Protein backbone atom coordinates (compact mmCIF):
# COMPACT_ATOMS: atom_id res chain seq x y z
CA MET A 1 5.22 9.17 0.91
CA PHE A 2 2.98 8.19 -1.87
CA TRP A 3 4.68 5.55 -4.34
CA ALA A 4 4.71 4.55 -8.16
CA ALA A 5 5.57 1.65 -9.75
CA ASP A 6 5.65 1.50 -13.59
CA LEU A 7 4.70 -1.54 -14.83
CA ARG A 8 5.15 -1.31 -18.96
CA ALA A 9 9.28 -0.77 -17.33
CA ALA A 10 11.99 -3.52 -17.16
CA GLY A 11 11.44 -4.06 -13.15
CA PRO A 12 13.77 -5.99 -10.46
CA PRO A 13 12.80 -9.97 -11.04
CA PRO A 14 11.58 -11.53 -7.73
CA ALA A 15 15.46 -12.49 -6.94
CA ARG A 16 16.45 -16.60 -5.35
CA SER A 17 15.00 -16.19 -1.89
CA ALA A 18 14.41 -18.75 1.10
CA VAL A 19 11.08 -16.35 1.07
CA ARG A 20 8.07 -18.34 -1.04
CA VAL A 21 5.06 -15.29 -2.52
CA ASP A 22 1.72 -16.81 -2.83
CA GLU A 23 -1.54 -15.28 -3.42
CA VAL A 24 -3.76 -15.88 -0.19
CA THR A 25 -6.49 -17.98 -0.75
CA THR A 26 -9.23 -19.53 1.52
CA VAL A 27 -7.10 -22.19 2.45
CA SER A 28 -3.53 -19.88 3.27
CA ALA A 29 -6.54 -16.77 4.71
CA PRO A 30 -6.51 -18.62 8.18
CA ALA A 31 -2.65 -18.77 8.69
CA VAL A 32 -2.69 -14.92 7.35
CA ALA A 33 -5.55 -14.71 10.26
CA ALA A 34 -3.45 -15.21 12.96
CA ALA A 35 -0.52 -13.40 11.50
CA MET A 36 -3.00 -10.38 12.25
CA GLY A 37 -3.82 -10.56 14.92
CA GLY A 38 -6.60 -8.84 16.68
CA GLU A 39 -7.48 -7.81 12.70
CA GLY A 40 -7.27 -11.21 11.45
CA ASP A 41 -11.32 -10.58 11.40
CA LEU A 42 -10.61 -8.51 8.75
CA VAL A 43 -9.32 -11.35 5.90
CA ALA A 44 -12.74 -12.27 5.23
CA GLN A 45 -14.31 -9.18 5.55
CA ARG A 46 -11.77 -7.46 2.74
CA MET A 47 -11.46 -10.93 0.93
CA ALA A 48 -15.29 -10.46 0.69
CA ARG A 49 -15.07 -7.30 -0.77
CA ALA A 50 -12.21 -9.04 -3.70
CA CYS A 51 -9.54 -7.39 -2.06
CA ARG A 52 -6.34 -9.84 -2.77
CA CYS A 53 -3.86 -10.12 -0.01
CA PHE A 54 -0.48 -12.02 -0.89
CA GLY A 55 1.79 -14.17 2.05
CA ALA A 56 4.98 -14.38 1.92
CA TRP A 57 6.68 -17.38 3.92
CA LEU A 58 10.28 -18.81 5.36
CA GLY A 59 9.35 -22.26 5.66
CA PRO A 60 5.50 -22.33 7.22
CA GLU A 61 5.50 -19.50 8.50
CA VAL A 62 3.87 -16.36 7.70
CA ALA A 63 6.55 -13.58 7.13
CA ALA A 64 4.57 -11.33 5.51
CA TYR A 65 1.59 -10.03 3.55
CA GLY A 66 0.47 -7.51 2.14
CA TRP A 67 -2.57 -6.00 0.51
CA LEU A 68 -4.13 -5.22 -2.96
CA SER A 69 -7.06 -3.40 -4.14
CA ALA A 70 -8.06 -2.30 -7.72
CA GLY A 71 -10.93 -0.65 -6.37
CA PRO A 72 -11.09 2.62 -3.55
CA GLU A 73 -9.73 1.58 0.00
CA TRP A 74 -9.53 4.04 2.64
CA ILE A 75 -5.63 5.16 3.76
CA GLY A 76 -6.12 6.10 7.59
CA GLU A 77 -2.79 7.85 8.46
CA LEU A 78 -3.51 10.27 5.37
CA GLY A 79 -7.67 10.53 5.91
CA LEU A 80 -7.74 9.64 2.50
CA GLU A 81 -9.43 8.02 -0.51
CA VAL A 82 -7.49 6.60 -2.79
CA ARG A 83 -9.37 4.89 -6.32
CA PRO A 84 -6.20 3.38 -8.13
CA GLY A 85 -7.14 4.28 -12.55
CA HIS A 86 -7.99 1.73 -14.81
CA ARG A 87 -5.17 -1.10 -15.10
CA GLU A 88 -3.63 0.32 -11.72
CA ALA A 89 -3.90 -1.62 -8.13
CA TYR A 90 -2.86 0.27 -4.68
CA VAL A 91 -0.57 -2.04 -2.84
CA TRP A 92 -1.75 -1.47 0.85
CA ASN A 93 -1.14 -3.09 5.26
CA CYS A 94 1.71 -4.59 4.28
CA VAL A 95 3.78 -5.91 8.03
CA THR A 96 6.76 -7.59 8.41
CA LEU A 97 5.97 -10.42 11.50
CA PRO A 98 9.49 -9.24 13.49
CA ALA A 99 10.43 -12.38 14.00
CA SER A 100 11.21 -12.54 9.99
CA ARG A 101 12.19 -8.79 9.62
CA ARG A 102 15.76 -7.79 7.44
CA LYS A 103 15.19 -11.00 6.06
CA GLY A 104 13.97 -9.49 2.45
CA ALA A 105 10.72 -10.88 2.84
CA PHE A 106 9.11 -7.63 1.96
CA GLN A 107 11.17 -7.20 -0.79
CA ALA A 108 10.70 -9.98 -1.80
CA LEU A 109 6.47 -9.74 -1.73
CA LEU A 110 6.51 -6.12 -3.63
CA LEU A 111 8.91 -7.94 -6.57
CA CYS A 112 5.71 -11.14 -7.15
CA ILE A 113 2.84 -8.76 -6.02
CA ALA A 114 4.35 -6.48 -9.08
CA ALA A 115 5.54 -9.41 -11.10
CA HIS A 116 1.89 -11.16 -10.59
CA VAL A 117 -0.25 -8.54 -11.91
CA LYS A 118 1.83 -7.92 -15.08
CA ARG A 119 1.49 -10.95 -16.31
CA GLU A 120 -2.49 -10.13 -15.26
CA GLY A 121 -1.96 -6.69 -17.39
CA LEU A 122 -1.96 -4.37 -15.35
CA VAL A 123 0.19 -1.51 -15.74
CA ARG A 124 0.99 0.51 -12.61
CA LEU A 125 1.20 -0.71 -9.06
CA TRP A 126 0.86 2.67 -5.67
CA ILE A 127 1.60 2.25 -2.46
CA GLY A 128 2.57 4.54 0.52
CA SER A 129 4.93 4.43 2.99
CA VAL A 130 4.82 6.45 6.19
CA ASN A 131 7.63 7.60 8.59
CA GLY A 132 10.75 6.05 6.07
CA VAL A 133 9.42 2.87 7.57
CA GLY A 134 10.29 0.42 4.06
CA GLU A 135 11.13 2.89 2.44
CA LYS A 136 14.64 1.16 0.62
CA ALA A 137 12.83 -1.93 0.10
CA ILE A 138 9.84 -0.67 -2.21
CA ALA A 139 12.53 1.25 -3.72
CA GLN A 140 14.24 -1.42 -4.55
CA ALA A 141 11.78 -2.85 -6.31
CA GLY A 142 11.29 -0.63 -8.30
CA PHE A 143 8.87 2.45 -7.32
CA VAL A 144 9.01 6.02 -7.42
CA PRO A 145 8.34 8.30 -5.09
CA VAL A 146 5.91 11.05 -6.21
CA LEU A 147 4.44 12.79 -3.24
CA ARG A 148 5.38 13.95 0.14
CA PHE A 149 3.02 13.96 3.38
CA ARG A 150 3.00 16.42 6.44
CA THR A 151 -0.13 15.44 8.72
CA MET A 152 -0.98 15.76 12.37
CA SER A 153 -4.37 15.43 14.74
CA LEU A 154 -5.92 17.67 16.47
CA GLN A 155 -8.00 16.15 19.12
CA PHE A 156 -10.76 18.87 20.77
CA ARG A 157 -13.32 17.25 23.12
CA LEU A 158 -16.43 16.77 20.38
CA GLY A 159 -13.89 15.48 17.88
CA GLY A 160 -11.07 15.84 15.87
CA LEU A 161 -9.05 18.19 13.20
CA ARG A 162 -6.54 16.75 10.72
CA TRP A 163 -4.41 19.31 9.25
CA LEU A 164 -2.44 17.53 5.85
CA GLN A 165 0.31 19.05 3.64
CA VAL A 166 0.95 17.55 -0.09
CA ARG A 167 4.60 18.53 -1.78
CA ALA A 168 5.21 16.95 -4.82
CA VAL A 169 8.76 14.95 -4.90
CA GLU A 170 11.30 17.40 -6.05
CA ASP A 171 12.37 16.49 -10.35
CA VAL A 172 9.22 13.81 -10.06
CA GLU A 173 7.43 13.75 -13.41
CA ALA A 174 4.59 15.93 -14.09
CA GLY A 175 2.40 13.16 -15.94
CA LEU A 176 3.16 11.20 -12.69
CA MET A 177 2.34 13.79 -9.98
CA ALA A 178 -0.56 14.17 -11.81
CA ALA A 179 -1.82 10.33 -11.95
CA ALA A 180 -0.98 10.51 -8.08
CA LEU A 181 -3.07 13.43 -7.64
CA GLY A 182 -5.74 12.00 -9.62
CA VAL A 183 -6.64 8.56 -7.72
CA LEU A 184 -5.91 10.53 -3.97
CA GLY A 185 -9.01 12.85 -2.46
CA ARG A 186 -11.70 12.67 -0.08
CA GLY A 187 -15.03 12.68 -0.68
CA GLY A 188 -14.68 12.80 -4.19
CA ARG A 189 -12.65 15.53 -5.01
CA PRO A 190 -9.03 15.28 -5.98
CA LEU A 191 -6.19 15.70 -3.66
CA ARG A 192 -4.37 19.14 -4.66
CA LEU A 193 -0.82 20.13 -2.83
CA GLY A 194 -0.93 22.46 -0.73
CA ALA A 195 -2.30 22.58 3.01
CA SER A 196 -5.50 21.56 4.14
CA LEU A 197 -7.92 21.45 7.93
CA HIS A 198 -10.21 18.82 7.30
CA LEU A 199 -11.85 16.44 10.15
CA ALA A 200 -10.70 13.54 11.59
CA GLU A 201 -12.07 10.12 10.61
CA ILE A 202 -11.31 6.58 11.49
CA ARG A 203 -12.52 3.99 9.39
CA ARG A 204 -11.62 -0.12 10.19
CA HIS A 205 -11.41 -1.74 7.03
């Protein structure tokens, strides 16, 4: 599912919580890198290309983290690129650590990211969800669903293909649907509703 949050609307404010959310700096980056485990080396690479990271802490421990990009990013689960528009950004690679699940860390993370970038003048956030995970928290953070996806990978001896079906969410506003299709695409071409088949591609980013 692909979701959008209109930051010009009066969204829910961050609730009082034991979870503390801050933008990750060079000082706190090592803690997030440790939380990311085998992908921890990506922290420095991402920050070097102007990606921003936000972390949620419960006491001294990292409870959750999420990345924010105003530039193009790769959505590996779909084999698509996302290119946020002017005054927009994409929230991605959000993870709640196992010991901190069901404690409101993910929702607090999203609410604080939204409040933070709204003060900076952004007007819209995009986020994706996979297999329904975290969708209750995404909705409670002020996001609305826009597009639905079904995907299947077909593996062959010399490579693989990805089948992708794109549908609009029922009753989604036409302008918002068009905006979502416009920021998503592949090879510089915007996304279209319907089904497609293309070469599978893996990027470590």
